[in-house]
Amino acid sequence: MPPDYLVFLLAGLGIIGIGLRTGEEVVRIAAAIAGSILLIWGFALTPLPFQLLVEAISILAVFSVCVRCLRA
């Protein structure tokens, strides 16, 4: 049986993916909200080392964008 957090993360990504493929605006917005809730829920259930890894990657990504803006 897969870990609970993995199920929530994959379900959230799947719902967002399905929502992006639809043409209806209401369905797209509802899928984005439901997928975001599942992603946040799944991320809250993940082990601490995984959370720290994702946080470090996101900080590095934002920092590199900020440094490029300062150079321009």
PDB file of N, CA and C in Angstrom:
ATOM      1  N   MET A   1       0.845  -1.180   0.000  1.00  0.00           N
ATOM      2  CA  MET A   1       0.000   0.000   0.000  1.00  0.00           C
ATOM      3  C   MET A   1       0.893   1.247   0.000  1.00  0.00           C
ATOM      4  N   PRO A   2       0.645   2.165  -0.937  1.00  0.00           N
ATOM      5  CA  PRO A   2       1.487   3.375  -0.990  1.00  0.00           C
ATOM      6  C   PRO A   2       1.201   4.294   0.190  1.00  0.00           C
ATOM      7  N   PRO A   3       2.173   5.120   0.540  1.00  0.00           N
ATOM      8  CA  PRO A   3       1.955   6.067   1.645  1.00  0.00           C
ATOM      9  C   PRO A   3       0.818   7.032   1.319  1.00  0.00           C
ATOM     10  N   ASP A   4       0.146   7.486   2.366  1.00  0.00           N
ATOM     11  CA  ASP A   4      -1.005   8.373   2.183  1.00  0.00           C
ATOM     12  C   ASP A   4      -0.628   9.663   1.474  1.00  0.00           C
ATOM     13  N   TYR A   5       0.518  10.228   1.849  1.00  0.00           N
ATOM     14  CA  TYR A   5       0.887  11.502   1.246  1.00  0.00           C
ATOM     15  C   TYR A   5       1.104  11.373  -0.256  1.00  0.00           C
ATOM     16  N   LEU A   6       1.617  10.232  -0.707  1.00  0.00           N
ATOM     17  CA  LEU A   6       1.841  10.025  -2.132  1.00  0.00           C
ATOM     18  C   LEU A   6       0.518   9.948  -2.886  1.00  0.00           C
ATOM     19  N   VAL A   7      -0.478   9.327  -2.281  1.00  0.00           N
ATOM     20  CA  VAL A   7      -1.800   9.240  -2.893  1.00  0.00           C
ATOM     21  C   VAL A   7      -2.401  10.637  -3.058  1.00  0.00           C
ATOM     22  N   PHE A   8      -2.300  11.461  -2.013  1.00  0.00           N
ATOM     23  CA  PHE A   8      -2.857  12.808  -2.090  1.00  0.00           C
ATOM     24  C   PHE A   8      -2.107  13.671  -3.102  1.00  0.00           C
ATOM     25  N   LEU A   9      -0.783  13.570  -3.133  1.00  0.00           N
ATOM     26  CA  LEU A   9      -0.003  14.357  -4.084  1.00  0.00           C
ATOM     27  C   LEU A   9      -0.332  13.974  -5.527  1.00  0.00           C
ATOM     28  N   LEU A  10      -0.393  12.674  -5.794  1.00  0.00           N
ATOM     29  CA  LEU A  10      -0.699  12.229  -7.157  1.00  0.00           C
ATOM     30  C   LEU A  10      -2.134  12.561  -7.552  1.00  0.00           C
ATOM     31  N   ALA A  11      -3.064  12.436  -6.612  1.00  0.00           N
ATOM     32  CA  ALA A  11      -4.450  12.792  -6.916  1.00  0.00           C
ATOM     33  C   ALA A  11      -4.573  14.285  -7.199  1.00  0.00           C
ATOM     34  N   GLY A  12      -3.879  15.106  -6.435  1.00  0.00           N
ATOM     35  CA  GLY A  12      -3.905  16.544  -6.667  1.00  0.00           C
ATOM     36  C   GLY A  12      -3.339  16.918  -8.023  1.00  0.00           C
ATOM     37  N   LEU A  13      -2.201  16.321  -8.369  1.00  0.00           N
ATOM     38  CA  LEU A  13      -1.611  16.589  -9.678  1.00  0.00           C
ATOM     39  C   LEU A  13      -2.504  16.091 -10.808  1.00  0.00           C
ATOM     40  N   GLY A  14      -3.122  14.938 -10.606  1.00  0.00           N
ATOM     41  CA  GLY A  14      -4.022  14.392 -11.629  1.00  0.00           C
ATOM     42  C   GLY A  14      -5.248  15.261 -11.841  1.00  0.00           C
ATOM     43  N   ILE A  15      -5.835  15.742 -10.765  1.00  0.00           N
ATOM     44  CA  ILE A  15      -7.018  16.597 -10.883  1.00  0.00           C
ATOM     45  C   ILE A  15      -6.658  17.918 -11.567  1.00  0.00           C
ATOM     46  N   ILE A  16      -5.518  18.478 -11.210  1.00  0.00           N
ATOM     47  CA  ILE A  16      -5.099  19.717 -11.872  1.00  0.00           C
ATOM     48  C   ILE A  16      -4.842  19.461 -13.359  1.00  0.00           C
ATOM     49  N   GLY A  17      -4.223  18.340 -13.683  1.00  0.00           N
ATOM     50  CA  GLY A  17      -3.978  17.996 -15.085  1.00  0.00           C
ATOM     51  C   GLY A  17      -5.264  17.825 -15.879  1.00  0.00           C
ATOM     52  N   ILE A  18      -6.240  17.165 -15.282  1.00  0.00           N
ATOM     53  CA  ILE A  18      -7.534  17.005 -15.954  1.00  0.00           C
ATOM     54  C   ILE A  18      -8.217  18.353 -16.120  1.00  0.00           C
ATOM     55  N   GLY A  19      -8.118  19.194 -15.105  1.00  0.00           N
ATOM     56  CA  GLY A  19      -8.733  20.514 -15.178  1.00  0.00           C
ATOM     57  C   GLY A  19      -8.132  21.380 -16.268  1.00  0.00           C
ATOM     58  N   LEU A  20      -6.826  21.260 -16.487  1.00  0.00           N
ATOM     59  CA  LEU A  20      -6.183  22.054 -17.537  1.00  0.00           C
ATOM     60  C   LEU A  20      -6.589  21.614 -18.934  1.00  0.00           C
ATOM     61  N   ARG A  21      -6.997  20.364 -19.073  1.00  0.00           N
ATOM     62  CA  ARG A  21      -7.392  19.852 -20.392  1.00  0.00           C
ATOM     63  C   ARG A  21      -8.839  20.160 -20.753  1.00  0.00           C
ATOM     64  N   THR A  22      -9.640  20.577 -19.795  1.00  0.00           N
ATOM     65  CA  THR A  22     -11.049  20.840 -20.079  1.00  0.00           C
ATOM     66  C   THR A  22     -11.221  22.241 -20.649  1.00  0.00           C
ATOM     67  N   GLY A  23     -12.306  22.429 -21.352  1.00  0.00           N
ATOM     68  CA  GLY A  23     -12.591  23.726 -21.951  1.00  0.00           C
ATOM     69  C   GLY A  23     -13.496  24.596 -21.106  1.00  0.00           C
ATOM     70  N   GLU A  24     -14.237  23.963 -20.217  1.00  0.00           N
ATOM     71  CA  GLU A  24     -15.162  24.706 -19.369  1.00  0.00           C
ATOM     72  C   GLU A  24     -14.418  25.472 -18.282  1.00  0.00           C
ATOM     73  N   GLU A  25     -14.717  26.742 -18.141  1.00  0.00           N
ATOM     74  CA  GLU A  25     -14.037  27.560 -17.141  1.00  0.00           C
ATOM     75  C   GLU A  25     -14.384  27.148 -15.716  1.00  0.00           C
ATOM     76  N   VAL A  26     -15.654  26.845 -15.486  1.00  0.00           N
ATOM     77  CA  VAL A  26     -16.083  26.485 -14.131  1.00  0.00           C
ATOM     78  C   VAL A  26     -15.426  25.183 -13.701  1.00  0.00           C
ATOM     79  N   VAL A  27     -15.365  24.213 -14.593  1.00  0.00           N
ATOM     80  CA  VAL A  27     -14.721  22.938 -14.274  1.00  0.00           C
ATOM     81  C   VAL A  27     -13.231  23.139 -14.049  1.00  0.00           C
ATOM     82  N   ARG A  28     -12.623  24.004 -14.845  1.00  0.00           N
ATOM     83  CA  ARG A  28     -11.190  24.278 -14.708  1.00  0.00           C
ATOM     84  C   ARG A  28     -10.880  24.913 -13.345  1.00  0.00           C
ATOM     85  N   ILE A  29     -11.692  25.872 -12.933  1.00  0.00           N
ATOM     86  CA  ILE A  29     -11.479  26.531 -11.641  1.00  0.00           C
ATOM     87  C   ILE A  29     -11.731  25.556 -10.494  1.00  0.00           C
ATOM     88  N   ALA A  30     -12.796  24.766 -10.595  1.00  0.00           N
ATOM     89  CA  ALA A  30     -13.098  23.792  -9.543  1.00  0.00           C
ATOM     90  C   ALA A  30     -11.992  22.745  -9.428  1.00  0.00           C
ATOM     91  N   ALA A  31     -11.460  22.304 -10.568  1.00  0.00           N
ATOM     92  CA  ALA A  31     -10.370  21.329 -10.542  1.00  0.00           C
ATOM     93  C   ALA A  31      -9.106  21.936  -9.957  1.00  0.00           C
ATOM     94  N   ALA A  32      -8.839  23.191 -10.274  1.00  0.00           N
ATOM     95  CA  ALA A  32      -7.651  23.845  -9.719  1.00  0.00           C
ATOM     96  C   ALA A  32      -7.758  23.979  -8.204  1.00  0.00           C
ATOM     97  N   ILE A  33      -8.934  24.331  -7.716  1.00  0.00           N
ATOM     98  CA  ILE A  33      -9.123  24.471  -6.265  1.00  0.00           C
ATOM     99  C   ILE A  33      -9.024  23.115  -5.578  1.00  0.00           C
ATOM    100  N   ALA A  34      -9.713  22.110  -6.118  1.00  0.00           N
ATOM    101  CA  ALA A  34      -9.681  20.776  -5.507  1.00  0.00           C
ATOM    102  C   ALA A  34      -8.276  20.181  -5.567  1.00  0.00           C
ATOM    103  N   GLY A  35      -7.594  20.352  -6.699  1.00  0.00           N
ATOM    104  CA  GLY A  35      -6.236  19.848  -6.819  1.00  0.00           C
ATOM    105  C   GLY A  35      -5.280  20.547  -5.875  1.00  0.00           C
ATOM    106  N   SER A  36      -5.450  21.846  -5.694  1.00  0.00           N
ATOM    107  CA  SER A  36      -4.588  22.594  -4.780  1.00  0.00           C
ATOM    108  C   SER A  36      -4.786  22.142  -3.340  1.00  0.00           C
ATOM    109  N   ILE A  37      -6.025  21.902  -2.973  1.00  0.00           N
ATOM    110  CA  ILE A  37      -6.309  21.419  -1.616  1.00  0.00           C
ATOM    111  C   ILE A  37      -5.655  20.063  -1.387  1.00  0.00           C
ATOM    112  N   LEU A  38      -5.765  19.165  -2.362  1.00  0.00           N
ATOM    113  CA  LEU A  38      -5.154  17.847  -2.214  1.00  0.00           C
ATOM    114  C   LEU A  38      -3.630  17.931  -2.190  1.00  0.00           C
ATOM    115  N   LEU A  39      -3.059  18.825  -3.000  1.00  0.00           N
ATOM    116  CA  LEU A  39      -1.606  18.993  -2.980  1.00  0.00           C
ATOM    117  C   LEU A  39      -1.122  19.510  -1.632  1.00  0.00           C
ATOM    118  N   ILE A  40      -1.821  20.484  -1.079  1.00  0.00           N
ATOM    119  CA  ILE A  40      -1.432  21.027   0.226  1.00  0.00           C
ATOM    120  C   ILE A  40      -1.592  19.969   1.311  1.00  0.00           C
ATOM    121  N   TRP A  41      -2.679  19.215   1.232  1.00  0.00           N
ATOM    122  CA  TRP A  41      -2.917  18.162   2.206  1.00  0.00           C
ATOM    123  C   TRP A  41      -1.828  17.086   2.115  1.00  0.00           C
ATOM    124  N   GLY A  42      -1.521  16.683   0.893  1.00  0.00           N
ATOM    125  CA  GLY A  42      -0.477  15.683   0.706  1.00  0.00           C
ATOM    126  C   GLY A  42       0.882  16.185   1.157  1.00  0.00           C
ATOM    127  N   PHE A  43       1.179  17.456   0.871  1.00  0.00           N
ATOM    128  CA  PHE A  43       2.467  18.004   1.283  1.00  0.00           C
ATOM    129  C   PHE A  43       2.557  18.109   2.802  1.00  0.00           C
ATOM    130  N   ALA A  44       1.447  18.388   3.460  1.00  0.00           N
ATOM    131  CA  ALA A  44       1.452  18.459   4.920  1.00  0.00           C
ATOM    132  C   ALA A  44       1.699  17.088   5.551  1.00  0.00           C
ATOM    133  N   LEU A  45       1.340  16.021   4.849  1.00  0.00           N
ATOM    134  CA  LEU A  45       1.529  14.667   5.380  1.00  0.00           C
ATOM    135  C   LEU A  45       2.901  14.078   5.053  1.00  0.00           C
ATOM    136  N   THR A  46       3.664  14.716   4.180  1.00  0.00           N
ATOM    137  CA  THR A  46       4.959  14.166   3.783  1.00  0.00           C
ATOM    138  C   THR A  46       5.944  14.220   4.942  1.00  0.00           C
ATOM    139  N   PRO A  47       6.943  13.354   4.907  1.00  0.00           N
ATOM    140  CA  PRO A  47       7.976  13.390   5.958  1.00  0.00           C
ATOM    141  C   PRO A  47       8.768  14.697   5.908  1.00  0.00           C
ATOM    142  N   LEU A  48       9.317  15.077   7.038  1.00  0.00           N
ATOM    143  CA  LEU A  48      10.029  16.343   7.169  1.00  0.00           C
ATOM    144  C   LEU A  48      11.211  16.478   6.197  1.00  0.00           C
ATOM    145  N   PRO A  49      12.033  15.439   5.974  1.00  0.00           N
ATOM    146  CA  PRO A  49      13.146  15.618   5.026  1.00  0.00           C
ATOM    147  C   PRO A  49      12.673  15.987   3.613  1.00  0.00           C
ATOM    148  N   PHE A  50      11.564  15.426   3.181  1.00  0.00           N
ATOM    149  CA  PHE A  50      11.028  15.759   1.855  1.00  0.00           C
ATOM    150  C   PHE A  50      10.541  17.202   1.833  1.00  0.00           C
ATOM    151  N   GLN A  51       9.901  17.644   2.895  1.00  0.00           N
ATOM    152  CA  GLN A  51       9.438  19.028   2.965  1.00  0.00           C
ATOM    153  C   GLN A  51      10.615  19.996   2.923  1.00  0.00           C
ATOM    154  N   LEU A  52      11.674  19.680   3.643  1.00  0.00           N
ATOM    155  CA  LEU A  52      12.850  20.541   3.648  1.00  0.00           C
ATOM    156  C   LEU A  52      13.522  20.573   2.279  1.00  0.00           C
ATOM    157  N   LEU A  53      13.542  19.442   1.591  1.00  0.00           N
ATOM    158  CA  LEU A  53      14.117  19.387   0.245  1.00  0.00           C
ATOM    159  C   LEU A  53      13.330  20.261  -0.726  1.00  0.00           C
ATOM    160  N   VAL A  54      12.016  20.169  -0.685  1.00  0.00           N
ATOM    161  CA  VAL A  54      11.177  20.992  -1.562  1.00  0.00           C
ATOM    162  C   VAL A  54      11.339  22.471  -1.215  1.00  0.00           C
ATOM    163  N   GLU A  55      11.428  22.781   0.054  1.00  0.00           N
ATOM    164  CA  GLU A  55      11.618  24.171   0.465  1.00  0.00           C
ATOM    165  C   GLU A  55      12.961  24.709  -0.010  1.00  0.00           C
ATOM    166  N   ALA A  56      14.009  23.917   0.121  1.00  0.00           N
ATOM    167  CA  ALA A  56      15.328  24.363  -0.330  1.00  0.00           C
ATOM    168  C   ALA A  56      15.354  24.580  -1.841  1.00  0.00           C
ATOM    169  N   ILE A  57      14.723  23.692  -2.587  1.00  0.00           N
ATOM    170  CA  ILE A  57      14.672  23.842  -4.049  1.00  0.00           C
ATOM    171  C   ILE A  57      13.898  25.097  -4.434  1.00  0.00           C
ATOM    172  N   SER A  58      12.786  25.349  -3.755  1.00  0.00           N
ATOM    173  CA  SER A  58      12.001  26.539  -4.093  1.00  0.00           C
ATOM    174  C   SER A  58      12.734  27.824  -3.726  1.00  0.00           C
ATOM    175  N   ILE A  59      13.461  27.822  -2.617  1.00  0.00           N
ATOM    176  CA  ILE A  59      14.236  29.008  -2.240  1.00  0.00           C
ATOM    177  C   ILE A  59      15.343  29.261  -3.241  1.00  0.00           C
ATOM    178  N   LEU A  60      16.028  28.209  -3.674  1.00  0.00           N
ATOM    179  CA  LEU A  60      17.076  28.376  -4.680  1.00  0.00           C
ATOM    180  C   LEU A  60      16.514  28.875  -6.001  1.00  0.00           C
ATOM    181  N   ALA A  61      15.339  28.392  -6.389  1.00  0.00           N
ATOM    182  CA  ALA A  61      14.729  28.842  -7.638  1.00  0.00           C
ATOM    183  C   ALA A  61      14.361  30.319  -7.570  1.00  0.00           C
ATOM    184  N   VAL A  62      13.781  30.746  -6.466  1.00  0.00           N
ATOM    185  CA  VAL A  62      13.400  32.148  -6.309  1.00  0.00           C
ATOM    186  C   VAL A  62      14.643  33.025  -6.206  1.00  0.00           C
ATOM    187  N   PHE A  63      15.662  32.554  -5.501  1.00  0.00           N
ATOM    188  CA  PHE A  63      16.887  33.335  -5.347  1.00  0.00           C
ATOM    189  C   PHE A  63      17.563  33.559  -6.696  1.00  0.00           C
ATOM    190  N   SER A  64      17.587  32.538  -7.547  1.00  0.00           N
ATOM    191  CA  SER A  64      18.229  32.703  -8.858  1.00  0.00           C
ATOM    192  C   SER A  64      17.468  33.708  -9.718  1.00  0.00           C
ATOM    193  N   VAL A  65      16.144  33.740  -9.597  1.00  0.00           N
ATOM    194  CA  VAL A  65      15.359  34.725 -10.346  1.00  0.00           C
ATOM    195  C   VAL A  65      15.649  36.130  -9.822  1.00  0.00           C
ATOM    196  N   CYS A  66      15.739  36.275  -8.508  1.00  0.00           N
ATOM    197  CA  CYS A  66      16.014  37.592  -7.924  1.00  0.00           C
ATOM    198  C   CYS A  66      17.393  38.102  -8.321  1.00  0.00           C
ATOM    199  N   VAL A  67      18.374  37.220  -8.363  1.00  0.00           N
ATOM    200  CA  VAL A  67      19.727  37.624  -8.734  1.00  0.00           C
ATOM    201  C   VAL A  67      19.754  38.068 -10.194  1.00  0.00           C
ATOM    202  N   ARG A  68      19.025  37.370 -11.065  1.00  0.00           N
ATOM    203  CA  ARG A  68      18.966  37.781 -12.473  1.00  0.00           C
ATOM    204  C   ARG A  68      18.315  39.148 -12.609  1.00  0.00           C
ATOM    205  N   CYS A  69      17.315  39.451 -11.784  1.00  0.00           N
ATOM    206  CA  CYS A  69      16.657  40.757 -11.853  1.00  0.00           C
ATOM    207  C   CYS A  69      17.599  41.867 -11.409  1.00  0.00           C
ATOM    208  N   LEU A  70      18.426  41.587 -10.428  1.00  0.00           N
ATOM    209  CA  LEU A  70      19.355  42.611  -9.941  1.00  0.00           C
ATOM    210  C   LEU A  70      20.452  42.919 -10.952  1.00  0.00           C
ATOM    211  N   ARG A  71      20.837  41.926 -11.735  1.00  0.00           N
ATOM    212  CA  ARG A  71      21.893  42.119 -12.737  1.00  0.00           C
ATOM    213  C   ARG A  71      21.404  42.905 -13.943  1.00  0.00           C
ATOM    214  N   ALA A  72      20.132  42.864 -14.216  1.00  0.00           N
ATOM    215  CA  ALA A  72      19.592  43.537 -15.406  1.00  0.00           C
ATOM    216  C   ALA A  72      19.468  45.025 -15.222  1.00  0.00           C
TER     217      ALA A  72
END
